[in-house]
């Protein structure tokens, strides 16, 4: 067990609680430290827009591994039901969002493992 297990659980719960209160299907991918939405939005590619991004859906879902509240399963369901398709404006990031999605699936399925070299 990690020494900071309690902190990890509390942090996962806090993040998921915040996002859940923003709307499980509508929270956006950028917030200020105080929880407000930013005045200036970081661009992604040529797009400068807040969106409910696959990357944050995946990351929030992976946090369910440490979360201790029942709503963690709702975040897992959001990962399993995510659509891998461009947003309404045509933007799609298969590299960054796609890798976060892949890693979250590996974590949540229990298949994120260290592969060590086999000795002969």
PDB file of N, CA and C in Angstrom:
ATOM      1  N   UNK A   1       0.830  -1.187   0.000  1.00  0.00           N
ATOM      2  CA  UNK A   1       0.000   0.000   0.000  1.00  0.00           C
ATOM      3  C   UNK A   1       0.872   1.247   0.000  1.00  0.00           C
ATOM      4  N   UNK A   2       0.515   2.202  -0.835  1.00  0.00           N
ATOM      5  CA  UNK A   2       1.300   3.442  -0.831  1.00  0.00           C
ATOM      6  C   UNK A   2       1.096   4.211   0.475  1.00  0.00           C
ATOM      7  N   UNK A   3       2.155   4.894   0.895  1.00  0.00           N
ATOM      8  CA  UNK A   3       2.070   5.660   2.143  1.00  0.00           C
ATOM      9  C   UNK A   3       1.069   6.796   2.040  1.00  0.00           C
ATOM     10  N   UNK A   4       0.844   7.278   0.829  1.00  0.00           N
ATOM     11  CA  UNK A   4      -0.076   8.416   0.655  1.00  0.00           C
ATOM     12  C   UNK A   4      -1.457   7.974   0.154  1.00  0.00           C
ATOM     13  N   UNK A   5      -1.828   6.750   0.452  1.00  0.00           N
ATOM     14  CA  UNK A   5      -3.115   6.214  -0.015  1.00  0.00           C
ATOM     15  C   UNK A   5      -4.287   7.099   0.399  1.00  0.00           C
ATOM     16  N   UNK A   6      -4.303   7.527   1.657  1.00  0.00           N
ATOM     17  CA  UNK A   6      -5.403   8.352   2.145  1.00  0.00           C
ATOM     18  C   UNK A   6      -5.480   9.666   1.350  1.00  0.00           C
ATOM     19  N   UNK A   7      -4.333  10.281   1.099  1.00  0.00           N
ATOM     20  CA  UNK A   7      -4.308  11.518   0.315  1.00  0.00           C
ATOM     21  C   UNK A   7      -4.830  11.258  -1.101  1.00  0.00           C
ATOM     22  N   UNK A   8      -4.388  10.164  -1.721  1.00  0.00           N
ATOM     23  CA  UNK A   8      -4.834   9.829  -3.071  1.00  0.00           C
ATOM     24  C   UNK A   8      -6.350   9.659  -3.114  1.00  0.00           C
ATOM     25  N   UNK A   9      -6.892   8.985  -2.133  1.00  0.00           N
ATOM     26  CA  UNK A   9      -8.339   8.779  -2.088  1.00  0.00           C
ATOM     27  C   UNK A   9      -9.082  10.101  -1.917  1.00  0.00           C
ATOM     28  N   UNK A  10      -8.609  10.925  -1.015  1.00  0.00           N
ATOM     29  CA  UNK A  10      -9.254  12.226  -0.801  1.00  0.00           C
ATOM     30  C   UNK A  10      -9.162  13.101  -2.040  1.00  0.00           C
ATOM     31  N   UNK A  11      -8.011  13.092  -2.703  1.00  0.00           N
ATOM     32  CA  UNK A  11      -7.820  13.913  -3.904  1.00  0.00           C
ATOM     33  C   UNK A  11      -8.725  13.429  -5.032  1.00  0.00           C
ATOM     34  N   UNK A  12      -8.783  12.114  -5.242  1.00  0.00           N
ATOM     35  CA  UNK A  12      -9.657  11.553  -6.287  1.00  0.00           C
ATOM     36  C   UNK A  12     -11.116  11.918  -6.000  1.00  0.00           C
ATOM     37  N   UNK A  13     -11.523  11.801  -4.751  1.00  0.00           N
ATOM     38  CA  UNK A  13     -12.902  12.159  -4.386  1.00  0.00           C
ATOM     39  C   UNK A  13     -13.171  13.640  -4.640  1.00  0.00           C
ATOM     40  N   UNK A  14     -12.233  14.500  -4.279  1.00  0.00           N
ATOM     41  CA  UNK A  14     -12.418  15.950  -4.463  1.00  0.00           C
ATOM     42  C   UNK A  14     -12.532  16.304  -5.944  1.00  0.00           C
ATOM     43  N   UNK A  15     -11.655  15.751  -6.752  1.00  0.00           N
ATOM     44  CA  UNK A  15     -11.701  16.044  -8.202  1.00  0.00           C
ATOM     45  C   UNK A  15     -13.023  15.577  -8.795  1.00  0.00           C
ATOM     46  N   UNK A  16     -13.398  14.342  -8.486  1.00  0.00           N
ATOM     47  CA  UNK A  16     -14.640  13.816  -9.043  1.00  0.00           C
ATOM     48  C   UNK A  16     -15.855  14.566  -8.501  1.00  0.00           C
ATOM     49  N   UNK A  17     -15.855  14.922  -7.240  1.00  0.00           N
ATOM     50  CA  UNK A  17     -16.973  15.695  -6.692  1.00  0.00           C
ATOM     51  C   UNK A  17     -17.116  17.028  -7.411  1.00  0.00           C
ATOM     52  N   UNK A  18     -15.985  17.704  -7.650  1.00  0.00           N
ATOM     53  CA  UNK A  18     -16.029  18.984  -8.357  1.00  0.00           C
ATOM     54  C   UNK A  18     -16.608  18.799  -9.763  1.00  0.00           C
ATOM     55  N   UNK A  19     -16.056  17.844 -10.511  1.00  0.00           N
ATOM     56  CA  UNK A  19     -16.525  17.631 -11.880  1.00  0.00           C
ATOM     57  C   UNK A  19     -17.984  17.185 -11.907  1.00  0.00           C
ATOM     58  N   UNK A  20     -18.377  16.349 -10.966  1.00  0.00           N
ATOM     59  CA  UNK A  20     -19.763  15.890 -10.889  1.00  0.00           C
ATOM     60  C   UNK A  20     -20.707  17.073 -10.692  1.00  0.00           C
ATOM     61  N   UNK A  21     -20.316  18.006  -9.833  1.00  0.00           N
ATOM     62  CA  UNK A  21     -21.144  19.199  -9.584  1.00  0.00           C
ATOM     63  C   UNK A  21     -21.214  20.108 -10.810  1.00  0.00           C
ATOM     64  N   UNK A  22     -20.232  20.029 -11.684  1.00  0.00           N
ATOM     65  CA  UNK A  22     -20.239  20.823 -12.918  1.00  0.00           C
ATOM     66  C   UNK A  22     -21.148  20.189 -13.968  1.00  0.00           C
ATOM     67  N   UNK A  23     -21.482  18.930 -13.769  1.00  0.00           N
ATOM     68  CA  UNK A  23     -22.328  18.181 -14.703  1.00  0.00           C
ATOM     69  C   UNK A  23     -21.539  17.022 -15.279  1.00  0.00           C
ATOM     70  N   UNK A  24     -21.920  15.812 -14.962  1.00  0.00           N
ATOM     71  CA  UNK A  24     -21.170  14.624 -15.363  1.00  0.00           C
ATOM     72  C   UNK A  24     -20.939  14.553 -16.874  1.00  0.00           C
ATOM     73  N   UNK A  25     -21.881  15.028 -17.644  1.00  0.00           N
ATOM     74  CA  UNK A  25     -21.762  14.964 -19.102  1.00  0.00           C
ATOM     75  C   UNK A  25     -21.409  16.310 -19.738  1.00  0.00           C
ATOM     76  N   UNK A  26     -21.195  17.328 -18.890  1.00  0.00           N
ATOM     77  CA  UNK A  26     -20.979  18.667 -19.453  1.00  0.00           C
ATOM     78  C   UNK A  26     -19.776  19.411 -18.901  1.00  0.00           C
ATOM     79  N   UNK A  27     -19.054  18.873 -17.895  1.00  0.00           N
ATOM     80  CA  UNK A  27     -17.912  19.621 -17.369  1.00  0.00           C
ATOM     81  C   UNK A  27     -16.910  19.878 -18.488  1.00  0.00           C
ATOM     82  N   UNK A  28     -16.224  21.001 -18.381  1.00  0.00           N
ATOM     83  CA  UNK A  28     -15.304  21.402 -19.445  1.00  0.00           C
ATOM     84  C   UNK A  28     -13.870  21.051 -19.069  1.00  0.00           C
ATOM     85  N   UNK A  29     -12.961  21.270 -19.995  1.00  0.00           N
ATOM     86  CA  UNK A  29     -11.590  20.816 -19.808  1.00  0.00           C
ATOM     87  C   UNK A  29     -10.615  21.867 -19.279  1.00  0.00           C
ATOM     88  N   UNK A  30     -11.105  23.036 -18.894  1.00  0.00           N
ATOM     89  CA  UNK A  30     -10.223  24.049 -18.313  1.00  0.00           C
ATOM     90  C   UNK A  30     -10.946  24.790 -17.201  1.00  0.00           C
ATOM     91  N   UNK A  31     -10.260  24.894 -16.054  1.00  0.00           N
ATOM     92  CA  UNK A  31     -10.775  25.634 -14.908  1.00  0.00           C
ATOM     93  C   UNK A  31      -9.628  26.396 -14.269  1.00  0.00           C
ATOM     94  N   UNK A  32      -9.957  27.492 -13.639  1.00  0.00           N
ATOM     95  CA  UNK A  32      -8.988  28.185 -12.794  1.00  0.00           C
ATOM     96  C   UNK A  32      -8.872  27.427 -11.490  1.00  0.00           C
ATOM     97  N   UNK A  33      -7.854  27.728 -10.724  1.00  0.00           N
ATOM     98  CA  UNK A  33      -7.609  27.043  -9.464  1.00  0.00           C
ATOM     99  C   UNK A  33      -8.764  27.197  -8.482  1.00  0.00           C
ATOM    100  N   UNK A  34      -9.541  28.280  -8.614  1.00  0.00           N
ATOM    101  CA  UNK A  34     -10.684  28.484  -7.710  1.00  0.00           C
ATOM    102  C   UNK A  34     -11.963  27.820  -8.222  1.00  0.00           C
ATOM    103  N   UNK A  35     -11.873  27.095  -9.336  1.00  0.00           N
ATOM    104  CA  UNK A  35     -13.025  26.381  -9.880  1.00  0.00           C
ATOM    105  C   UNK A  35     -13.812  27.151 -10.914  1.00  0.00           C
ATOM    106  N   UNK A  36     -13.474  28.408 -11.145  1.00  0.00           N
ATOM    107  CA  UNK A  36     -14.164  29.200 -12.167  1.00  0.00           C
ATOM    108  C   UNK A  36     -13.588  28.879 -13.543  1.00  0.00           C
ATOM    109  N   UNK A  37     -14.339  29.213 -14.571  1.00  0.00           N
ATOM    110  CA  UNK A  37     -13.832  29.010 -15.930  1.00  0.00           C
ATOM    111  C   UNK A  37     -12.911  30.177 -16.286  1.00  0.00           C
ATOM    112  N   UNK A  38     -11.889  29.915 -17.063  1.00  0.00           N
ATOM    113  CA  UNK A  38     -10.903  30.958 -17.372  1.00  0.00           C
ATOM    114  C   UNK A  38     -11.449  32.019 -18.326  1.00  0.00           C
ATOM    115  N   UNK A  39     -10.913  33.233 -18.188  1.00  0.00           N
ATOM    116  CA  UNK A  39     -11.244  34.306 -19.132  1.00  0.00           C
ATOM    117  C   UNK A  39     -10.567  34.050 -20.470  1.00  0.00           C
ATOM    118  N   UNK A  40      -9.346  33.532 -20.422  1.00  0.00           N
ATOM    119  CA  UNK A  40      -8.612  33.209 -21.637  1.00  0.00           C
ATOM    120  C   UNK A  40      -8.481  31.703 -21.715  1.00  0.00           C
ATOM    121  N   UNK A  41      -8.899  31.119 -22.828  1.00  0.00           N
ATOM    122  CA  UNK A  41      -8.914  29.670 -23.018  1.00  0.00           C
ATOM    123  C   UNK A  41      -7.659  29.243 -23.761  1.00  0.00           C
ATOM    124  N   UNK A  42      -6.986  28.242 -23.229  1.00  0.00           N
ATOM    125  CA  UNK A  42      -5.823  27.698 -23.909  1.00  0.00           C
ATOM    126  C   UNK A  42      -6.279  27.045 -25.211  1.00  0.00           C
ATOM    127  N   UNK A  43      -5.625  27.380 -26.325  1.00  0.00           N
ATOM    128  CA  UNK A  43      -6.048  26.766 -27.589  1.00  0.00           C
ATOM    129  C   UNK A  43      -5.581  25.317 -27.716  1.00  0.00           C
ATOM    130  N   UNK A  44      -6.331  24.545 -28.454  1.00  0.00           N
ATOM    131  CA  UNK A  44      -5.970  23.173 -28.815  1.00  0.00           C
ATOM    132  C   UNK A  44      -5.977  23.133 -30.331  1.00  0.00           C
ATOM    133  N   UNK A  45      -4.800  22.997 -30.912  1.00  0.00           N
ATOM    134  CA  UNK A  45      -4.710  23.099 -32.366  1.00  0.00           C
ATOM    135  C   UNK A  45      -5.116  24.503 -32.770  1.00  0.00           C
ATOM    136  N   UNK A  46      -5.972  24.641 -33.737  1.00  0.00           N
ATOM    137  CA  UNK A  46      -6.467  25.955 -34.162  1.00  0.00           C
ATOM    138  C   UNK A  46      -7.745  26.341 -33.427  1.00  0.00           C
ATOM    139  N   UNK A  47      -8.147  25.544 -32.464  1.00  0.00           N
ATOM    140  CA  UNK A  47      -9.417  25.755 -31.782  1.00  0.00           C
ATOM    141  C   UNK A  47      -9.186  26.315 -30.384  1.00  0.00           C
ATOM    142  N   UNK A  48      -9.910  27.355 -30.054  1.00  0.00           N
ATOM    143  CA  UNK A  48      -9.825  27.969 -28.737  1.00  0.00           C
ATOM    144  C   UNK A  48     -11.230  27.952 -28.133  1.00  0.00           C
ATOM    145  N   UNK A  49     -11.548  26.814 -27.520  1.00  0.00           N
ATOM    146  CA  UNK A  49     -12.912  26.592 -27.049  1.00  0.00           C
ATOM    147  C   UNK A  49     -12.890  25.635 -25.861  1.00  0.00           C
ATOM    148  N   UNK A  50     -13.757  25.881 -24.896  1.00  0.00           N
ATOM    149  CA  UNK A  50     -13.934  24.925 -23.809  1.00  0.00           C
ATOM    150  C   UNK A  50     -14.785  23.777 -24.332  1.00  0.00           C
ATOM    151  N   UNK A  51     -14.421  22.576 -23.956  1.00  0.00           N
ATOM    152  CA  UNK A  51     -15.209  21.416 -24.389  1.00  0.00           C
ATOM    153  C   UNK A  51     -15.157  20.332 -23.328  1.00  0.00           C
ATOM    154  N   UNK A  52     -16.048  19.422 -23.415  1.00  0.00           N
ATOM    155  CA  UNK A  52     -16.092  18.229 -22.556  1.00  0.00           C
ATOM    156  C   UNK A  52     -15.172  17.217 -23.228  1.00  0.00           C
ATOM    157  N   UNK A  53     -13.871  17.307 -22.926  1.00  0.00           N
ATOM    158  CA  UNK A  53     -12.879  16.573 -23.708  1.00  0.00           C
ATOM    159  C   UNK A  53     -12.711  15.117 -23.280  1.00  0.00           C
ATOM    160  N   UNK A  54     -12.418  14.306 -24.263  1.00  0.00           N
ATOM    161  CA  UNK A  54     -12.169  12.891 -24.043  1.00  0.00           C
ATOM    162  C   UNK A  54     -11.010  12.691 -23.076  1.00  0.00           C
ATOM    163  N   UNK A  55      -9.995  13.551 -23.138  1.00  0.00           N
ATOM    164  CA  UNK A  55      -8.842  13.425 -22.249  1.00  0.00           C
ATOM    165  C   UNK A  55      -9.216  13.590 -20.788  1.00  0.00           C
ATOM    166  N   UNK A  56     -10.038  14.586 -20.477  1.00  0.00           N
ATOM    167  CA  UNK A  56     -10.428  14.794 -19.086  1.00  0.00           C
ATOM    168  C   UNK A  56     -11.456  13.750 -18.642  1.00  0.00           C
ATOM    169  N   UNK A  57     -12.325  13.333 -19.522  1.00  0.00           N
ATOM    170  CA  UNK A  57     -13.264  12.250 -19.188  1.00  0.00           C
ATOM    171  C   UNK A  57     -12.464  10.993 -18.817  1.00  0.00           C
ATOM    172  N   UNK A  58     -11.431  10.710 -19.577  1.00  0.00           N
ATOM    173  CA  UNK A  58     -10.598   9.535 -19.328  1.00  0.00           C
ATOM    174  C   UNK A  58      -9.831   9.654 -18.024  1.00  0.00           C
ATOM    175  N   UNK A  59      -9.259  10.822 -17.783  1.00  0.00           N
ATOM    176  CA  UNK A  59      -8.493  11.047 -16.558  1.00  0.00           C
ATOM    177  C   UNK A  59      -9.391  10.978 -15.330  1.00  0.00           C
ATOM    178  N   UNK A  60     -10.556  11.601 -15.408  1.00  0.00           N
ATOM    179  CA  UNK A  60     -11.504  11.570 -14.289  1.00  0.00           C
ATOM    180  C   UNK A  60     -11.978  10.137 -14.031  1.00  0.00           C
ATOM    181  N   UNK A  61     -12.150   9.376 -15.091  1.00  0.00           N
ATOM    182  CA  UNK A  61     -12.547   7.976 -14.930  1.00  0.00           C
ATOM    183  C   UNK A  61     -11.458   7.150 -14.273  1.00  0.00           C
ATOM    184  N   UNK A  62     -10.206   7.380 -14.669  1.00  0.00           N
ATOM    185  CA  UNK A  62      -9.092   6.637 -14.077  1.00  0.00           C
ATOM    186  C   UNK A  62      -8.938   6.958 -12.592  1.00  0.00           C
ATOM    187  N   UNK A  63      -9.334   8.141 -12.177  1.00  0.00           N
ATOM    188  CA  UNK A  63      -9.272   8.507 -10.755  1.00  0.00           C
ATOM    189  C   UNK A  63     -10.181   7.619  -9.913  1.00  0.00           C
ATOM    190  N   UNK A  64     -11.119   6.928 -10.546  1.00  0.00           N
ATOM    191  CA  UNK A  64     -12.032   6.047  -9.824  1.00  0.00           C
ATOM    192  C   UNK A  64     -11.305   4.891  -9.156  1.00  0.00           C
ATOM    193  N   UNK A  65     -10.113   4.586  -9.618  1.00  0.00           N
ATOM    194  CA  UNK A  65      -9.327   3.518  -8.997  1.00  0.00           C
ATOM    195  C   UNK A  65      -9.067   3.847  -7.530  1.00  0.00           C
ATOM    196  N   UNK A  66      -8.860   5.124  -7.234  1.00  0.00           N
ATOM    197  CA  UNK A  66      -8.586   5.533  -5.854  1.00  0.00           C
ATOM    198  C   UNK A  66      -9.800   6.125  -5.154  1.00  0.00           C
ATOM    199  N   UNK A  67     -10.826   6.502  -5.883  1.00  0.00           N
ATOM    200  CA  UNK A  67     -12.002   7.127  -5.256  1.00  0.00           C
ATOM    201  C   UNK A  67     -12.704   6.131  -4.343  1.00  0.00           C
ATOM    202  N   UNK A  68     -13.304   6.671  -3.312  1.00  0.00           N
ATOM    203  CA  UNK A  68     -13.990   5.799  -2.353  1.00  0.00           C
ATOM    204  C   UNK A  68     -15.494   6.027  -2.313  1.00  0.00           C
ATOM    205  N   UNK A  69     -15.998   6.912  -3.146  1.00  0.00           N
ATOM    206  CA  UNK A  69     -17.442   7.169  -3.157  1.00  0.00           C
ATOM    207  C   UNK A  69     -18.108   6.409  -4.312  1.00  0.00           C
ATOM    208  N   UNK A  70     -19.384   6.092  -4.194  1.00  0.00           N
ATOM    209  CA  UNK A  70     -20.069   5.307  -5.226  1.00  0.00           C
ATOM    210  C   UNK A  70     -20.152   6.013  -6.577  1.00  0.00           C
ATOM    211  N   UNK A  71     -20.106   7.342  -6.605  1.00  0.00           N
ATOM    212  CA  UNK A  71     -20.229   8.028  -7.897  1.00  0.00           C
ATOM    213  C   UNK A  71     -19.009   7.808  -8.785  1.00  0.00           C
ATOM    214  N   UNK A  72     -17.942   7.242  -8.228  1.00  0.00           N
ATOM    215  CA  UNK A  72     -16.772   6.911  -9.054  1.00  0.00           C
ATOM    216  C   UNK A  72     -17.140   6.006 -10.219  1.00  0.00           C
ATOM    217  N   UNK A  73     -18.106   5.122  -9.982  1.00  0.00           N
ATOM    218  CA  UNK A  73     -18.547   4.219 -11.056  1.00  0.00           C
ATOM    219  C   UNK A  73     -19.199   4.983 -12.204  1.00  0.00           C
ATOM    220  N   UNK A  74     -19.822   6.103 -11.915  1.00  0.00           N
ATOM    221  CA  UNK A  74     -20.431   6.908 -12.981  1.00  0.00           C
ATOM    222  C   UNK A  74     -19.346   7.448 -13.913  1.00  0.00           C
ATOM    223  N   UNK A  75     -18.188   7.788 -13.354  1.00  0.00           N
ATOM    224  CA  UNK A  75     -17.080   8.267 -14.173  1.00  0.00           C
ATOM    225  C   UNK A  75     -16.494   7.131 -15.018  1.00  0.00           C
ATOM    226  N   UNK A  76     -16.465   5.926 -14.467  1.00  0.00           N
ATOM    227  CA  UNK A  76     -16.023   4.761 -15.237  1.00  0.00           C
ATOM    228  C   UNK A  76     -16.970   4.527 -16.408  1.00  0.00           C
ATOM    229  N   UNK A  77     -18.270   4.605 -16.152  1.00  0.00           N
ATOM    230  CA  UNK A  77     -19.251   4.439 -17.225  1.00  0.00           C
ATOM    231  C   UNK A  77     -19.045   5.461 -18.333  1.00  0.00           C
ATOM    232  N   UNK A  78     -18.683   6.688 -17.968  1.00  0.00           N
ATOM    233  CA  UNK A  78     -18.440   7.723 -18.977  1.00  0.00           C
ATOM    234  C   UNK A  78     -17.258   7.364 -19.871  1.00  0.00           C
ATOM    235  N   UNK A  79     -16.242   6.728 -19.300  1.00  0.00           N
ATOM    236  CA  UNK A  79     -15.100   6.284 -20.124  1.00  0.00           C
ATOM    237  C   UNK A  79     -15.545   5.172 -21.063  1.00  0.00           C
ATOM    238  N   UNK A  80     -16.236   4.175 -20.523  1.00  0.00           N
ATOM    239  CA  UNK A  80     -16.667   3.037 -21.360  1.00  0.00           C
ATOM    240  C   UNK A  80     -17.591   3.493 -22.490  1.00  0.00           C
ATOM    241  N   UNK A  81     -18.408   4.510 -22.229  1.00  0.00           N
ATOM    242  CA  UNK A  81     -19.387   4.977 -23.221  1.00  0.00           C
ATOM    243  C   UNK A  81     -18.901   6.147 -24.073  1.00  0.00           C
ATOM    244  N   UNK A  82     -17.647   6.522 -23.917  1.00  0.00           N
ATOM    245  CA  UNK A  82     -17.111   7.669 -24.675  1.00  0.00           C
ATOM    246  C   UNK A  82     -17.121   7.374 -26.173  1.00  0.00           C
ATOM    247  N   UNK A  83     -17.357   8.421 -26.945  1.00  0.00           N
ATOM    248  CA  UNK A  83     -17.351   8.294 -28.403  1.00  0.00           C
ATOM    249  C   UNK A  83     -16.030   8.857 -28.936  1.00  0.00           C
ATOM    250  N   UNK A  84     -15.391   8.077 -29.764  1.00  0.00           N
ATOM    251  CA  UNK A  84     -14.124   8.496 -30.352  1.00  0.00           C
ATOM    252  C   UNK A  84     -14.409   9.107 -31.720  1.00  0.00           C
ATOM    253  N   UNK A  85     -14.877  10.346 -31.689  1.00  0.00           N
ATOM    254  CA  UNK A  85     -15.247  11.035 -32.914  1.00  0.00           C
ATOM    255  C   UNK A  85     -15.014  12.530 -32.746  1.00  0.00           C
ATOM    256  N   UNK A  86     -14.876  13.233 -33.845  1.00  0.00           N
ATOM    257  CA  UNK A  86     -14.651  14.689 -33.749  1.00  0.00           C
ATOM    258  C   UNK A  86     -15.810  15.396 -33.046  1.00  0.00           C
ATOM    259  N   UNK A  87     -15.479  16.531 -32.427  1.00  0.00           N
ATOM    260  CA  UNK A  87     -16.497  17.377 -31.804  1.00  0.00           C
ATOM    261  C   UNK A  87     -17.297  18.068 -32.903  1.00  0.00           C
ATOM    262  N   UNK A  88     -18.352  18.773 -32.505  1.00  0.00           N
ATOM    263  CA  UNK A  88     -19.233  19.440 -33.481  1.00  0.00           C
ATOM    264  C   UNK A  88     -18.466  20.393 -34.396  1.00  0.00           C
ATOM    265  N   UNK A  89     -17.409  21.025 -33.854  1.00  0.00           N
ATOM    266  CA  UNK A  89     -16.654  21.990 -34.666  1.00  0.00           C
ATOM    267  C   UNK A  89     -15.587  21.335 -35.535  1.00  0.00           C
ATOM    268  N   UNK A  90     -15.473  20.013 -35.486  1.00  0.00           N
ATOM    269  CA  UNK A  90     -14.521  19.298 -36.326  1.00  0.00           C
ATOM    270  C   UNK A  90     -13.214  18.970 -35.629  1.00  0.00           C
ATOM    271  N   UNK A  91     -12.981  19.502 -34.434  1.00  0.00           N
ATOM    272  CA  UNK A  91     -11.730  19.254 -33.728  1.00  0.00           C
ATOM    273  C   UNK A  91     -11.696  17.824 -33.183  1.00  0.00           C
ATOM    274  N   UNK A  92     -10.552  17.186 -33.325  1.00  0.00           N
ATOM    275  CA  UNK A  92     -10.343  15.865 -32.746  1.00  0.00           C
ATOM    276  C   UNK A  92      -8.856  15.707 -32.490  1.00  0.00           C
ATOM    277  N   UNK A  93      -8.497  15.199 -31.331  1.00  0.00           N
ATOM    278  CA  UNK A  93      -7.095  15.021 -30.960  1.00  0.00           C
ATOM    279  C   UNK A  93      -6.836  13.557 -30.628  1.00  0.00           C
ATOM    280  N   UNK A  94      -6.568  12.747 -31.653  1.00  0.00           N
ATOM    281  CA  UNK A  94      -6.363  11.330 -31.376  1.00  0.00           C
ATOM    282  C   UNK A  94      -5.056  11.054 -30.634  1.00  0.00           C
ATOM    283  N   UNK A  95      -4.109  11.993 -30.677  1.00  0.00           N
ATOM    284  CA  UNK A  95      -2.836  11.751 -30.002  1.00  0.00           C
ATOM    285  C   UNK A  95      -2.971  11.961 -28.492  1.00  0.00           C
ATOM    286  N   UNK A  96      -3.200  13.184 -28.044  1.00  0.00           N
ATOM    287  CA  UNK A  96      -3.247  13.468 -26.614  1.00  0.00           C
ATOM    288  C   UNK A  96      -4.477  12.850 -25.960  1.00  0.00           C
ATOM    289  N   UNK A  97      -5.664  13.222 -26.433  1.00  0.00           N
ATOM    290  CA  UNK A  97      -6.889  12.665 -25.850  1.00  0.00           C
ATOM    291  C   UNK A  97      -6.934  11.150 -26.033  1.00  0.00           C
ATOM    292  N   UNK A  98      -6.499  10.694 -27.195  1.00  0.00           N
ATOM    293  CA  UNK A  98      -6.514   9.261 -27.477  1.00  0.00           C
ATOM    294  C   UNK A  98      -5.601   8.471 -26.562  1.00  0.00           C
ATOM    295  N   UNK A  99      -4.415   9.018 -26.271  1.00  0.00           N
ATOM    296  CA  UNK A  99      -3.512   8.316 -25.359  1.00  0.00           C
ATOM    297  C   UNK A  99      -4.051   8.311 -23.929  1.00  0.00           C
ATOM    298  N   UNK A 100      -4.623   9.428 -23.485  1.00  0.00           N
ATOM    299  CA  UNK A 100      -5.226   9.443 -22.155  1.00  0.00           C
ATOM    300  C   UNK A 100      -6.365   8.429 -22.075  1.00  0.00           C
ATOM    301  N   UNK A 101      -7.123   8.316 -23.156  1.00  0.00           N
ATOM    302  CA  UNK A 101      -8.210   7.335 -23.213  1.00  0.00           C
ATOM    303  C   UNK A 101      -7.646   5.912 -23.131  1.00  0.00           C
ATOM    304  N   UNK A 102      -6.614   5.629 -23.921  1.00  0.00           N
ATOM    305  CA  UNK A 102      -5.997   4.302 -23.919  1.00  0.00           C
ATOM    306  C   UNK A 102      -5.456   3.953 -22.536  1.00  0.00           C
ATOM    307  N   UNK A 103      -4.720   4.885 -21.924  1.00  0.00           N
ATOM    308  CA  UNK A 103      -4.159   4.622 -20.606  1.00  0.00           C
ATOM    309  C   UNK A 103      -5.259   4.410 -19.564  1.00  0.00           C
ATOM    310  N   UNK A 104      -6.339   5.177 -19.661  1.00  0.00           N
ATOM    311  CA  UNK A 104      -7.426   4.999 -18.686  1.00  0.00           C
ATOM    312  C   UNK A 104      -8.069   3.626 -18.855  1.00  0.00           C
ATOM    313  N   UNK A 105      -8.235   3.172 -20.084  1.00  0.00           N
ATOM    314  CA  UNK A 105      -8.796   1.834 -20.303  1.00  0.00           C
ATOM    315  C   UNK A 105      -7.877   0.757 -19.729  1.00  0.00           C
ATOM    316  N   UNK A 106      -6.572   0.949 -19.914  1.00  0.00           N
ATOM    317  CA  UNK A 106      -5.622  -0.014 -19.366  1.00  0.00           C
ATOM    318  C   UNK A 106      -5.672  -0.018 -17.838  1.00  0.00           C
ATOM    319  N   UNK A 107      -5.723   1.157 -17.232  1.00  0.00           N
ATOM    320  CA  UNK A 107      -5.824   1.243 -15.771  1.00  0.00           C
ATOM    321  C   UNK A 107      -7.112   0.597 -15.274  1.00  0.00           C
ATOM    322  N   UNK A 108      -8.225   1.009 -15.844  1.00  0.00           N
ATOM    323  CA  UNK A 108      -9.527   0.557 -15.348  1.00  0.00           C
ATOM    324  C   UNK A 108      -9.773  -0.929 -15.584  1.00  0.00           C
ATOM    325  N   UNK A 109      -9.151  -1.486 -16.607  1.00  0.00           N
ATOM    326  CA  UNK A 109      -9.328  -2.916 -16.884  1.00  0.00           C
ATOM    327  C   UNK A 109      -8.333  -3.783 -16.126  1.00  0.00           C
ATOM    328  N   UNK A 110      -7.374  -3.142 -15.455  1.00  0.00           N
ATOM    329  CA  UNK A 110      -6.360  -3.900 -14.735  1.00  0.00           C
ATOM    330  C   UNK A 110      -5.241  -4.395 -15.619  1.00  0.00           C
ATOM    331  N   UNK A 111      -5.141  -3.868 -16.830  1.00  0.00           N
ATOM    332  CA  UNK A 111      -4.122  -4.325 -17.770  1.00  0.00           C
ATOM    333  C   UNK A 111      -2.989  -3.335 -17.976  1.00  0.00           C
ATOM    334  N   UNK A 112      -2.832  -2.387 -17.084  1.00  0.00           N
ATOM    335  CA  UNK A 112      -1.706  -1.453 -17.152  1.00  0.00           C
ATOM    336  C   UNK A 112      -0.595  -2.080 -16.321  1.00  0.00           C
ATOM    337  N   UNK A 113       0.336  -2.700 -16.996  1.00  0.00           N
ATOM    338  CA  UNK A 113       1.362  -3.458 -16.306  1.00  0.00           C
ATOM    339  C   UNK A 113       2.748  -3.071 -16.802  1.00  0.00           C
ATOM    340  N   UNK A 114       3.730  -3.311 -15.936  1.00  0.00           N
ATOM    341  CA  UNK A 114       5.120  -3.141 -16.333  1.00  0.00           C
ATOM    342  C   UNK A 114       5.547  -4.427 -17.024  1.00  0.00           C
ATOM    343  N   UNK A 115       6.101  -4.302 -18.199  1.00  0.00           N
ATOM    344  CA  UNK A 115       6.587  -5.463 -18.931  1.00  0.00           C
ATOM    345  C   UNK A 115       8.089  -5.500 -18.757  1.00  0.00           C
ATOM    346  N   UNK A 116       8.566  -6.499 -18.076  1.00  0.00           N
ATOM    347  CA  UNK A 116      10.004  -6.622 -17.819  1.00  0.00           C
ATOM    348  C   UNK A 116      10.614  -7.606 -18.823  1.00  0.00           C
ATOM    349  N   UNK A 117      11.883  -7.401 -19.138  1.00  0.00           N
ATOM    350  CA  UNK A 117      12.530  -8.332 -20.063  1.00  0.00           C
ATOM    351  C   UNK A 117      12.582  -9.742 -19.481  1.00  0.00           C
ATOM    352  N   UNK A 118      12.387 -10.699 -20.325  1.00  0.00           N
ATOM    353  CA  UNK A 118      12.473 -12.089 -19.921  1.00  0.00           C
ATOM    354  C   UNK A 118      13.921 -12.550 -20.036  1.00  0.00           C
ATOM    355  N   UNK A 119      14.407 -13.209 -19.021  1.00  0.00           N
ATOM    356  CA  UNK A 119      15.777 -13.746 -19.101  1.00  0.00           C
ATOM    357  C   UNK A 119      15.728 -15.097 -19.802  1.00  0.00           C
ATOM    358  N   UNK A 120      16.785 -15.372 -20.529  1.00  0.00           N
ATOM    359  CA  UNK A 120      16.842 -16.644 -21.295  1.00  0.00           C
ATOM    360  C   UNK A 120      17.323 -17.766 -20.437  1.00  0.00           C
TER     361      UNK A 120
END
